[in-house]
Amino acid sequence: LYAALPRAIGIYFVDARGGGMATIRNIPANLGETNPVF
């Protein structure tokens, strides 16, 4: 959250709608949608 500020890093949050199990299931799809650098 904070290291994003001096370097303009974009922070995508895992889709947590639906609770804990839905969050875990959403990780693979969210990785493919957002293409994180790290």
PDB file of all heavy atoms in Angstrom:
ATOM      1  N   LEU A   1       0.804  -1.220   0.000  1.00  0.00           N
ATOM      2  CA  LEU A   1       0.000   0.000   0.000  1.00  0.00           C
ATOM      3  C   LEU A   1       0.837   1.270   0.000  1.00  0.00           C
ATOM      4  O   LEU A   1       0.584   2.200  -0.768  1.00  0.00           O
ATOM      5  CB  LEU A   1      -0.927   0.013   1.224  1.00  0.00           C
ATOM      6  CG  LEU A   1      -1.852  -1.191   1.402  1.00  0.00           C
ATOM      7  CD1 LEU A   1      -2.705  -1.009   2.644  1.00  0.00           C
ATOM      8  CD2 LEU A   1      -2.723  -1.401   0.170  1.00  0.00           C
ATOM      9  N   TYR A   2       1.853   1.326   0.871  1.00  0.00           N
ATOM     10  CA  TYR A   2       2.615   2.565   1.026  1.00  0.00           C
ATOM     11  C   TYR A   2       3.752   2.696   0.022  1.00  0.00           C
ATOM     12  O   TYR A   2       4.065   3.798  -0.434  1.00  0.00           O
ATOM     13  CB  TYR A   2       3.159   2.675   2.448  1.00  0.00           C
ATOM     14  CG  TYR A   2       2.112   2.912   3.510  1.00  0.00           C
ATOM     15  CD1 TYR A   2       2.390   2.702   4.856  1.00  0.00           C
ATOM     16  CD2 TYR A   2       0.836   3.359   3.175  1.00  0.00           C
ATOM     17  CE1 TYR A   2       1.436   2.928   5.840  1.00  0.00           C
ATOM     18  CE2 TYR A   2      -0.120   3.586   4.143  1.00  0.00           C
ATOM     19  CZ  TYR A   2       0.180   3.366   5.481  1.00  0.00           C
ATOM     20  OH  TYR A   2      -0.767   3.590   6.447  1.00  0.00           O
ATOM     21  N   ALA A   3       4.404   1.589  -0.337  1.00  0.00           N
ATOM     22  CA  ALA A   3       5.494   1.665  -1.317  1.00  0.00           C
ATOM     23  C   ALA A   3       4.977   2.094  -2.688  1.00  0.00           C
ATOM     24  O   ALA A   3       5.746   2.554  -3.530  1.00  0.00           O
ATOM     25  CB  ALA A   3       6.212   0.318  -1.431  1.00  0.00           C
ATOM     26  N   ALA A   4       3.678   1.954  -2.903  1.00  0.00           N
ATOM     27  CA  ALA A   4       3.080   2.392  -4.164  1.00  0.00           C
ATOM     28  C   ALA A   4       3.173   3.903  -4.337  1.00  0.00           C
ATOM     29  O   ALA A   4       3.223   4.408  -5.462  1.00  0.00           O
ATOM     30  CB  ALA A   4       1.616   1.957  -4.231  1.00  0.00           C
ATOM     31  N   LEU A   5       3.225   4.631  -3.233  1.00  0.00           N
ATOM     32  CA  LEU A   5       3.119   6.086  -3.295  1.00  0.00           C
ATOM     33  C   LEU A   5       4.311   6.776  -3.965  1.00  0.00           C
ATOM     34  O   LEU A   5       4.108   7.599  -4.860  1.00  0.00           O
ATOM     35  CB  LEU A   5       2.890   6.648  -1.887  1.00  0.00           C
ATOM     36  CG  LEU A   5       1.605   6.155  -1.202  1.00  0.00           C
ATOM     37  CD1 LEU A   5       1.551   6.648   0.239  1.00  0.00           C
ATOM     38  CD2 LEU A   5       0.373   6.637  -1.968  1.00  0.00           C
ATOM     39  N   PRO A   6       5.552   6.475  -3.597  1.00  0.00           N
ATOM     40  CA  PRO A   6       6.661   7.187  -4.254  1.00  0.00           C
ATOM     41  C   PRO A   6       6.979   6.684  -5.658  1.00  0.00           C
ATOM     42  O   PRO A   6       7.741   7.321  -6.378  1.00  0.00           O
ATOM     43  CB  PRO A   6       7.850   6.940  -3.305  1.00  0.00           C
ATOM     44  CG  PRO A   6       7.528   5.670  -2.618  1.00  0.00           C
ATOM     45  CD  PRO A   6       6.032   5.650  -2.480  1.00  0.00           C
ATOM     46  N   ARG A   7       6.404   5.536  -6.069  1.00  0.00           N
ATOM     47  CA  ARG A   7       6.732   4.985  -7.377  1.00  0.00           C
ATOM     48  C   ARG A   7       5.518   4.725  -8.256  1.00  0.00           C
ATOM     49  O   ARG A   7       5.601   4.049  -9.276  1.00  0.00           O
ATOM     50  CB  ARG A   7       7.522   3.671  -7.207  1.00  0.00           C
ATOM     51  CG  ARG A   7       8.922   3.839  -6.619  1.00  0.00           C
ATOM     52  CD  ARG A   7       9.828   4.645  -7.547  1.00  0.00           C
ATOM     53  NE  ARG A   7      11.207   4.632  -7.095  1.00  0.00           N
ATOM     54  CZ  ARG A   7      11.734   5.527  -6.257  1.00  0.00           C
ATOM     55  NH1 ARG A   7      10.974   6.489  -5.765  1.00  0.00           N
ATOM     56  NH2 ARG A   7      13.005   5.451  -5.909  1.00  0.00           N
ATOM     57  N   ALA A   8       4.368   5.226  -7.864  1.00  0.00           N
ATOM     58  CA  ALA A   8       3.142   5.098  -8.674  1.00  0.00           C
ATOM     59  C   ALA A   8       2.848   3.652  -9.050  1.00  0.00           C
ATOM     60  O   ALA A   8       2.525   3.343 -10.199  1.00  0.00           O
ATOM     61  CB  ALA A   8       3.236   5.957  -9.933  1.00  0.00           C
ATOM     62  N   ILE A   9       2.949   2.760  -8.086  1.00  0.00           N
ATOM     63  CA  ILE A   9       2.637   1.344  -8.327  1.00  0.00           C
ATOM     64  C   ILE A   9       1.119   1.159  -8.278  1.00  0.00           C
ATOM     65  O   ILE A   9       0.449   1.675  -7.386  1.00  0.00           O
ATOM     66  CB  ILE A   9       3.308   0.452  -7.259  1.00  0.00           C
ATOM     67  CG1 ILE A   9       4.827   0.591  -7.332  1.00  0.00           C
ATOM     68  CG2 ILE A   9       2.899  -1.010  -7.435  1.00  0.00           C
ATOM     69  CD1 ILE A   9       5.562  -0.074  -6.177  1.00  0.00           C
ATOM     70  N   GLY A  10       0.581   0.441  -9.244  1.00  0.00           N
ATOM     71  CA  GLY A  10      -0.851   0.145  -9.255  1.00  0.00           C
ATOM     72  C   GLY A  10      -1.152  -1.066  -8.387  1.00  0.00           C
ATOM     73  O   GLY A  10      -0.526  -2.110  -8.537  1.00  0.00           O
ATOM     74  N   ILE A  11      -2.101  -0.931  -7.460  1.00  0.00           N
ATOM     75  CA  ILE A  11      -2.464  -2.008  -6.538  1.00  0.00           C
ATOM     76  C   ILE A  11      -3.835  -2.558  -6.918  1.00  0.00           C
ATOM     77  O   ILE A  11      -4.853  -1.868  -6.816  1.00  0.00           O
ATOM     78  CB  ILE A  11      -2.518  -1.511  -5.082  1.00  0.00           C
ATOM     79  CG1 ILE A  11      -1.215  -0.810  -4.679  1.00  0.00           C
ATOM     80  CG2 ILE A  11      -2.835  -2.681  -4.142  1.00  0.00           C
ATOM     81  CD1 ILE A  11      -0.034  -1.726  -4.528  1.00  0.00           C
ATOM     82  N   TYR A  12      -3.851  -3.803  -7.382  1.00  0.00           N
ATOM     83  CA  TYR A  12      -5.111  -4.508  -7.633  1.00  0.00           C
ATOM     84  C   TYR A  12      -5.409  -5.383  -6.416  1.00  0.00           C
ATOM     85  O   TYR A  12      -4.509  -6.047  -5.893  1.00  0.00           O
ATOM     86  CB  TYR A  12      -4.995  -5.412  -8.865  1.00  0.00           C
ATOM     87  CG  TYR A  12      -4.877  -4.691 -10.183  1.00  0.00           C
ATOM     88  CD1 TYR A  12      -3.654  -4.169 -10.606  1.00  0.00           C
ATOM     89  CD2 TYR A  12      -5.977  -4.555 -11.027  1.00  0.00           C
ATOM     90  CE1 TYR A  12      -3.537  -3.517 -11.833  1.00  0.00           C
ATOM     91  CE2 TYR A  12      -5.866  -3.909 -12.244  1.00  0.00           C
ATOM     92  CZ  TYR A  12      -4.642  -3.392 -12.646  1.00  0.00           C
ATOM     93  OH  TYR A  12      -4.534  -2.749 -13.848  1.00  0.00           O
ATOM     94  N   PHE A  13      -6.656  -5.398  -5.989  1.00  0.00           N
ATOM     95  CA  PHE A  13      -7.045  -6.233  -4.854  1.00  0.00           C
ATOM     96  C   PHE A  13      -7.769  -7.480  -5.351  1.00  0.00           C
ATOM     97  O   PHE A  13      -8.632  -7.388  -6.229  1.00  0.00           O
ATOM     98  CB  PHE A  13      -7.952  -5.454  -3.895  1.00  0.00           C
ATOM     99  CG  PHE A  13      -7.251  -4.317  -3.207  1.00  0.00           C
ATOM    100  CD1 PHE A  13      -7.434  -3.016  -3.639  1.00  0.00           C
ATOM    101  CD2 PHE A  13      -6.392  -4.551  -2.146  1.00  0.00           C
ATOM    102  CE1 PHE A  13      -6.777  -1.957  -3.034  1.00  0.00           C
ATOM    103  CE2 PHE A  13      -5.725  -3.510  -1.528  1.00  0.00           C
ATOM    104  CZ  PHE A  13      -5.911  -2.207  -1.973  1.00  0.00           C
ATOM    105  N   VAL A  14      -7.416  -8.619  -4.781  1.00  0.00           N
ATOM    106  CA  VAL A  14      -8.105  -9.858  -5.140  1.00  0.00           C
ATOM    107  C   VAL A  14      -9.599  -9.686  -4.894  1.00  0.00           C
ATOM    108  O   VAL A  14     -10.015  -9.116  -3.882  1.00  0.00           O
ATOM    109  CB  VAL A  14      -7.565 -11.040  -4.304  1.00  0.00           C
ATOM    110  CG1 VAL A  14      -8.394 -12.299  -4.565  1.00  0.00           C
ATOM    111  CG2 VAL A  14      -6.112 -11.316  -4.643  1.00  0.00           C
ATOM    112  N   ASP A  15     -10.390 -10.167  -5.820  1.00  0.00           N
ATOM    113  CA  ASP A  15     -11.844 -10.066  -5.717  1.00  0.00           C
ATOM    114  C   ASP A  15     -12.326 -10.906  -4.537  1.00  0.00           C
ATOM    115  O   ASP A  15     -12.285 -12.135  -4.585  1.00  0.00           O
ATOM    116  CB  ASP A  15     -12.479 -10.553  -7.021  1.00  0.00           C
ATOM    117  CG  ASP A  15     -13.981 -10.384  -7.045  1.00  0.00           C
ATOM    118  OD1 ASP A  15     -14.542  -9.830  -6.080  1.00  0.00           O
ATOM    119  OD2 ASP A  15     -14.606 -10.804  -8.045  1.00  0.00           O
ATOM    120  N   ALA A  16     -12.762 -10.238  -3.468  1.00  0.00           N
ATOM    121  CA  ALA A  16     -13.171 -10.931  -2.243  1.00  0.00           C
ATOM    122  C   ALA A  16     -14.684 -11.008  -2.091  1.00  0.00           C
ATOM    123  O   ALA A  16     -15.172 -11.405  -1.027  1.00  0.00           O
ATOM    124  CB  ALA A  16     -12.565 -10.234  -1.026  1.00  0.00           C
ATOM    125  N   ARG A  17     -15.408 -10.639  -3.126  1.00  0.00           N
ATOM    126  CA  ARG A  17     -16.868 -10.709  -3.032  1.00  0.00           C
ATOM    127  C   ARG A  17     -17.295 -12.157  -2.888  1.00  0.00           C
ATOM    128  O   ARG A  17     -16.899 -13.015  -3.659  1.00  0.00           O
ATOM    129  CB  ARG A  17     -17.506 -10.085  -4.269  1.00  0.00           C
ATOM    130  CG  ARG A  17     -17.286  -8.573  -4.384  1.00  0.00           C
ATOM    131  CD  ARG A  17     -17.794  -8.036  -5.704  1.00  0.00           C
ATOM    132  NE  ARG A  17     -17.085  -8.625  -6.840  1.00  0.00           N
ATOM    133  CZ  ARG A  17     -17.459  -8.497  -8.101  1.00  0.00           C
ATOM    134  NH1 ARG A  17     -18.551  -7.809  -8.392  1.00  0.00           N
ATOM    135  NH2 ARG A  17     -16.755  -9.049  -9.068  1.00  0.00           N
ATOM    136  N   GLY A  18     -18.092 -12.416  -1.866  1.00  0.00           N
ATOM    137  CA  GLY A  18     -18.528 -13.787  -1.631  1.00  0.00           C
ATOM    138  C   GLY A  18     -17.805 -14.471  -0.492  1.00  0.00           C
ATOM    139  O   GLY A  18     -18.136 -15.599  -0.134  1.00  0.00           O
ATOM    140  N   GLY A  19     -16.805 -13.798   0.085  1.00  0.00           N
ATOM    141  CA  GLY A  19     -16.141 -14.366   1.249  1.00  0.00           C
ATOM    142  C   GLY A  19     -14.836 -15.086   0.955  1.00  0.00           C
ATOM    143  O   GLY A  19     -14.302 -15.037  -0.160  1.00  0.00           O
ATOM    144  N   GLY A  20     -14.327 -15.786   1.992  1.00  0.00           N
ATOM    145  CA  GLY A  20     -13.004 -16.383   1.952  1.00  0.00           C
ATOM    146  C   GLY A  20     -12.762 -17.391   0.852  1.00  0.00           C
ATOM    147  O   GLY A  20     -11.759 -17.317   0.128  1.00  0.00           O
ATOM    148  N   MET A  21     -13.657 -18.366   0.699  1.00  0.00           N
ATOM    149  CA  MET A  21     -13.460 -19.400  -0.315  1.00  0.00           C
ATOM    150  C   MET A  21     -13.534 -18.814  -1.722  1.00  0.00           C
ATOM    151  O   MET A  21     -12.781 -19.208  -2.608  1.00  0.00           O
ATOM    152  CB  MET A  21     -14.498 -20.516  -0.149  1.00  0.00           C
ATOM    153  CG  MET A  21     -14.341 -21.320   1.132  1.00  0.00           C
ATOM    154  SD  MET A  21     -12.655 -21.990   1.324  1.00  0.00           S
ATOM    155  CE  MET A  21     -12.552 -23.082  -0.094  1.00  0.00           C
ATOM    156  N   ALA A  22     -14.434 -17.858  -1.922  1.00  0.00           N
ATOM    157  CA  ALA A  22     -14.540 -17.205  -3.223  1.00  0.00           C
ATOM    158  C   ALA A  22     -13.265 -16.441  -3.535  1.00  0.00           C
ATOM    159  O   ALA A  22     -12.804 -16.420  -4.690  1.00  0.00           O
ATOM    160  CB  ALA A  22     -15.737 -16.260  -3.234  1.00  0.00           C
ATOM    161  N   THR A  23     -12.673 -15.832  -2.515  1.00  0.00           N
ATOM    162  CA  THR A  23     -11.424 -15.090  -2.699  1.00  0.00           C
ATOM    163  C   THR A  23     -10.323 -16.000  -3.220  1.00  0.00           C
ATOM    164  O   THR A  23      -9.605 -15.659  -4.171  1.00  0.00           O
ATOM    165  CB  THR A  23     -10.984 -14.451  -1.369  1.00  0.00           C
ATOM    166  OG1 THR A  23     -12.022 -13.615  -0.864  1.00  0.00           O
ATOM    167  CG2 THR A  23      -9.713 -13.622  -1.559  1.00  0.00           C
ATOM    168  N   ILE A  24     -10.186 -17.165  -2.601  1.00  0.00           N
ATOM    169  CA  ILE A  24      -9.155 -18.128  -3.012  1.00  0.00           C
ATOM    170  C   ILE A  24      -9.387 -18.584  -4.447  1.00  0.00           C
ATOM    171  O   ILE A  24      -8.459 -18.675  -5.256  1.00  0.00           O
ATOM    172  CB  ILE A  24      -9.140 -19.335  -2.046  1.00  0.00           C
ATOM    173  CG1 ILE A  24      -8.687 -18.877  -0.646  1.00  0.00           C
ATOM    174  CG2 ILE A  24      -8.220 -20.436  -2.567  1.00  0.00           C
ATOM    175  CD1 ILE A  24      -8.820 -19.928   0.420  1.00  0.00           C
ATOM    176  N   ARG A  25     -10.652 -18.853  -4.781  1.00  0.00           N
ATOM    177  CA  ARG A  25     -10.975 -19.299  -6.145  1.00  0.00           C
ATOM    178  C   ARG A  25     -10.699 -18.214  -7.178  1.00  0.00           C
ATOM    179  O   ARG A  25     -10.399 -18.511  -8.344  1.00  0.00           O
ATOM    180  CB  ARG A  25     -12.442 -19.732  -6.225  1.00  0.00           C
ATOM    181  CG  ARG A  25     -12.756 -21.041  -5.511  1.00  0.00           C
ATOM    182  CD  ARG A  25     -14.134 -21.564  -5.927  1.00  0.00           C
ATOM    183  NE  ARG A  25     -15.191 -20.611  -5.620  1.00  0.00           N
ATOM    184  CZ  ARG A  25     -15.879 -20.608  -4.480  1.00  0.00           C
ATOM    185  NH1 ARG A  25     -15.600 -21.505  -3.549  1.00  0.00           N
ATOM    186  NH2 ARG A  25     -16.845 -19.725  -4.282  1.00  0.00           N
ATOM    187  N   ASN A  26     -10.797 -16.956  -6.764  1.00  0.00           N
ATOM    188  CA  ASN A  26     -10.636 -15.850  -7.706  1.00  0.00           C
ATOM    189  C   ASN A  26      -9.179 -15.516  -8.024  1.00  0.00           C
ATOM    190  O   ASN A  26      -8.913 -14.809  -9.001  1.00  0.00           O
ATOM    191  CB  ASN A  26     -11.319 -14.584  -7.147  1.00  0.00           C
ATOM    192  CG  ASN A  26     -12.834 -14.674  -7.187  1.00  0.00           C
ATOM    193  OD1 ASN A  26     -13.399 -15.404  -8.001  1.00  0.00           O
ATOM    194  ND2 ASN A  26     -13.492 -13.951  -6.310  1.00  0.00           N
ATOM    195  N   ILE A  27      -8.235 -15.997  -7.223  1.00  0.00           N
ATOM    196  CA  ILE A  27      -6.828 -15.620  -7.404  1.00  0.00           C
ATOM    197  C   ILE A  27      -6.309 -15.965  -8.801  1.00  0.00           C
ATOM    198  O   ILE A  27      -5.735 -15.093  -9.475  1.00  0.00           O
ATOM    199  CB  ILE A  27      -5.940 -16.242  -6.305  1.00  0.00           C
ATOM    200  CG1 ILE A  27      -6.245 -15.578  -4.954  1.00  0.00           C
ATOM    201  CG2 ILE A  27      -4.454 -16.074  -6.643  1.00  0.00           C
ATOM    202  CD1 ILE A  27      -5.527 -16.215  -3.774  1.00  0.00           C
ATOM    203  N   PRO A  28      -6.462 -17.209  -9.288  1.00  0.00           N
ATOM    204  CA  PRO A  28      -5.915 -17.522 -10.624  1.00  0.00           C
ATOM    205  C   PRO A  28      -6.478 -16.627 -11.726  1.00  0.00           C
ATOM    206  O   PRO A  28      -5.723 -16.124 -12.572  1.00  0.00           O
ATOM    207  CB  PRO A  28      -6.324 -18.988 -10.828  1.00  0.00           C
ATOM    208  CG  PRO A  28      -6.474 -19.540  -9.449  1.00  0.00           C
ATOM    209  CD  PRO A  28      -7.046 -18.406  -8.657  1.00  0.00           C
ATOM    210  N   ALA A  29      -7.794 -16.409 -11.705  1.00  0.00           N
ATOM    211  CA  ALA A  29      -8.408 -15.561 -12.733  1.00  0.00           C
ATOM    212  C   ALA A  29      -7.921 -14.123 -12.617  1.00  0.00           C
ATOM    213  O   ALA A  29      -7.626 -13.463 -13.619  1.00  0.00           O
ATOM    214  CB  ALA A  29      -9.928 -15.612 -12.628  1.00  0.00           C
ATOM    215  N   ASN A  30      -7.829 -13.621 -11.380  1.00  0.00           N
ATOM    216  CA  ASN A  30      -7.382 -12.239 -11.173  1.00  0.00           C
ATOM    217  C   ASN A  30      -5.936 -12.041 -11.615  1.00  0.00           C
ATOM    218  O   ASN A  30      -5.583 -10.975 -12.128  1.00  0.00           O
ATOM    219  CB  ASN A  30      -7.523 -11.849  -9.706  1.00  0.00           C
ATOM    220  CG  ASN A  30      -8.959 -11.707  -9.235  1.00  0.00           C
ATOM    221  OD1 ASN A  30      -9.228 -11.581  -8.045  1.00  0.00           O
ATOM    222  ND2 ASN A  30      -9.911 -11.745 -10.176  1.00  0.00           N
ATOM    223  N   LEU A  31      -5.093 -13.062 -11.442  1.00  0.00           N
ATOM    224  CA  LEU A  31      -3.706 -12.978 -11.915  1.00  0.00           C
ATOM    225  C   LEU A  31      -3.676 -12.805 -13.433  1.00  0.00           C
ATOM    226  O   LEU A  31      -2.935 -11.978 -13.964  1.00  0.00           O
ATOM    227  CB  LEU A  31      -2.925 -14.231 -11.513  1.00  0.00           C
ATOM    228  CG  LEU A  31      -2.489 -14.330 -10.050  1.00  0.00           C
ATOM    229  CD1 LEU A  31      -1.996 -15.750  -9.734  1.00  0.00           C
ATOM    230  CD2 LEU A  31      -1.398 -13.320  -9.736  1.00  0.00           C
ATOM    231  N   GLY A  32      -4.501 -13.589 -14.133  1.00  0.00           N
ATOM    232  CA  GLY A  32      -4.549 -13.503 -15.590  1.00  0.00           C
ATOM    233  C   GLY A  32      -5.127 -12.192 -16.088  1.00  0.00           C
ATOM    234  O   GLY A  32      -4.739 -11.687 -17.141  1.00  0.00           O
ATOM    235  N   GLU A  33      -6.047 -11.599 -15.308  1.00  0.00           N
ATOM    236  CA  GLU A  33      -6.689 -10.344 -15.708  1.00  0.00           C
ATOM    237  C   GLU A  33      -5.795  -9.121 -15.475  1.00  0.00           C
ATOM    238  O   GLU A  33      -5.854  -8.155 -16.228  1.00  0.00           O
ATOM    239  CB  GLU A  33      -7.993 -10.160 -14.914  1.00  0.00           C
ATOM    240  CG  GLU A  33      -9.072 -11.172 -15.259  1.00  0.00           C
ATOM    241  CD  GLU A  33     -10.174 -11.221 -14.210  1.00  0.00           C
ATOM    242  OE1 GLU A  33     -10.023 -10.598 -13.142  1.00  0.00           O
ATOM    243  OE2 GLU A  33     -11.182 -11.898 -14.459  1.00  0.00           O
ATOM    244  N   THR A  34      -4.976  -9.178 -14.423  1.00  0.00           N
ATOM    245  CA  THR A  34      -4.223  -7.988 -14.025  1.00  0.00           C
ATOM    246  C   THR A  34      -2.763  -8.011 -14.474  1.00  0.00           C
ATOM    247  O   THR A  34      -2.118  -6.970 -14.535  1.00  0.00           O
ATOM    248  CB  THR A  34      -4.266  -7.807 -12.503  1.00  0.00           C
ATOM    249  OG1 THR A  34      -3.665  -8.954 -11.864  1.00  0.00           O
ATOM    250  CG2 THR A  34      -5.710  -7.672 -12.025  1.00  0.00           C
ATOM    251  N   ASN A  35      -2.211  -9.203 -14.752  1.00  0.00           N
ATOM    252  CA  ASN A  35      -0.812  -9.338 -15.198  1.00  0.00           C
ATOM    253  C   ASN A  35       0.158  -8.536 -14.324  1.00  0.00           C
ATOM    254  O   ASN A  35       0.823  -7.601 -14.790  1.00  0.00           O
ATOM    255  CB  ASN A  35      -0.676  -8.888 -16.658  1.00  0.00           C
ATOM    256  CG  ASN A  35      -1.397  -9.819 -17.613  1.00  0.00           C
ATOM    257  OD1 ASN A  35      -1.187 -11.031 -17.585  1.00  0.00           O
ATOM    258  ND2 ASN A  35      -2.260  -9.265 -18.457  1.00  0.00           N
ATOM    259  N   PRO A  36       0.284  -8.907 -13.043  1.00  0.00           N
ATOM    260  CA  PRO A  36       1.171  -8.155 -12.148  1.00  0.00           C
ATOM    261  C   PRO A  36       2.640  -8.277 -12.550  1.00  0.00           C
ATOM    262  O   PRO A  36       3.061  -9.291 -13.107  1.00  0.00           O
ATOM    263  CB  PRO A  36       0.925  -8.810 -10.789  1.00  0.00           C
ATOM    264  CG  PRO A  36       0.452 -10.193 -11.112  1.00  0.00           C
ATOM    265  CD  PRO A  36      -0.358 -10.044 -12.359  1.00  0.00           C
ATOM    266  N   VAL A  37       3.415  -7.231 -12.250  1.00  0.00           N
ATOM    267  CA  VAL A  37       4.857  -7.251 -12.487  1.00  0.00           C
ATOM    268  C   VAL A  37       5.548  -7.989 -11.343  1.00  0.00           C
ATOM    269  O   VAL A  37       6.544  -8.669 -11.538  1.00  0.00           O
ATOM    270  CB  VAL A  37       5.409  -5.814 -12.610  1.00  0.00           C
ATOM    271  CG1 VAL A  37       6.940  -5.807 -12.675  1.00  0.00           C
ATOM    272  CG2 VAL A  37       4.825  -5.139 -13.847  1.00  0.00           C
ATOM    273  N   PHE A  38       4.992  -7.866 -10.136  1.00  0.00           N
ATOM    274  CA  PHE A  38       5.545  -8.578  -8.976  1.00  0.00           C
ATOM    275  C   PHE A  38       4.409  -8.951  -8.033  1.00  0.00           C
ATOM    276  O   PHE A  38       3.304  -8.405  -8.120  1.00  0.00           O
ATOM    277  CB  PHE A  38       6.588  -7.725  -8.246  1.00  0.00           C
ATOM    278  CG  PHE A  38       6.008  -6.552  -7.498  1.00  0.00           C
ATOM    279  CD1 PHE A  38       5.729  -6.634  -6.139  1.00  0.00           C
ATOM    280  CD2 PHE A  38       5.743  -5.356  -8.153  1.00  0.00           C
ATOM    281  CE1 PHE A  38       5.190  -5.559  -5.454  1.00  0.00           C
ATOM    282  CE2 PHE A  38       5.208  -4.258  -7.483  1.00  0.00           C
ATOM    283  CZ  PHE A  38       4.930  -4.366  -6.123  1.00  0.00           C
TER     284      PHE A  38
END
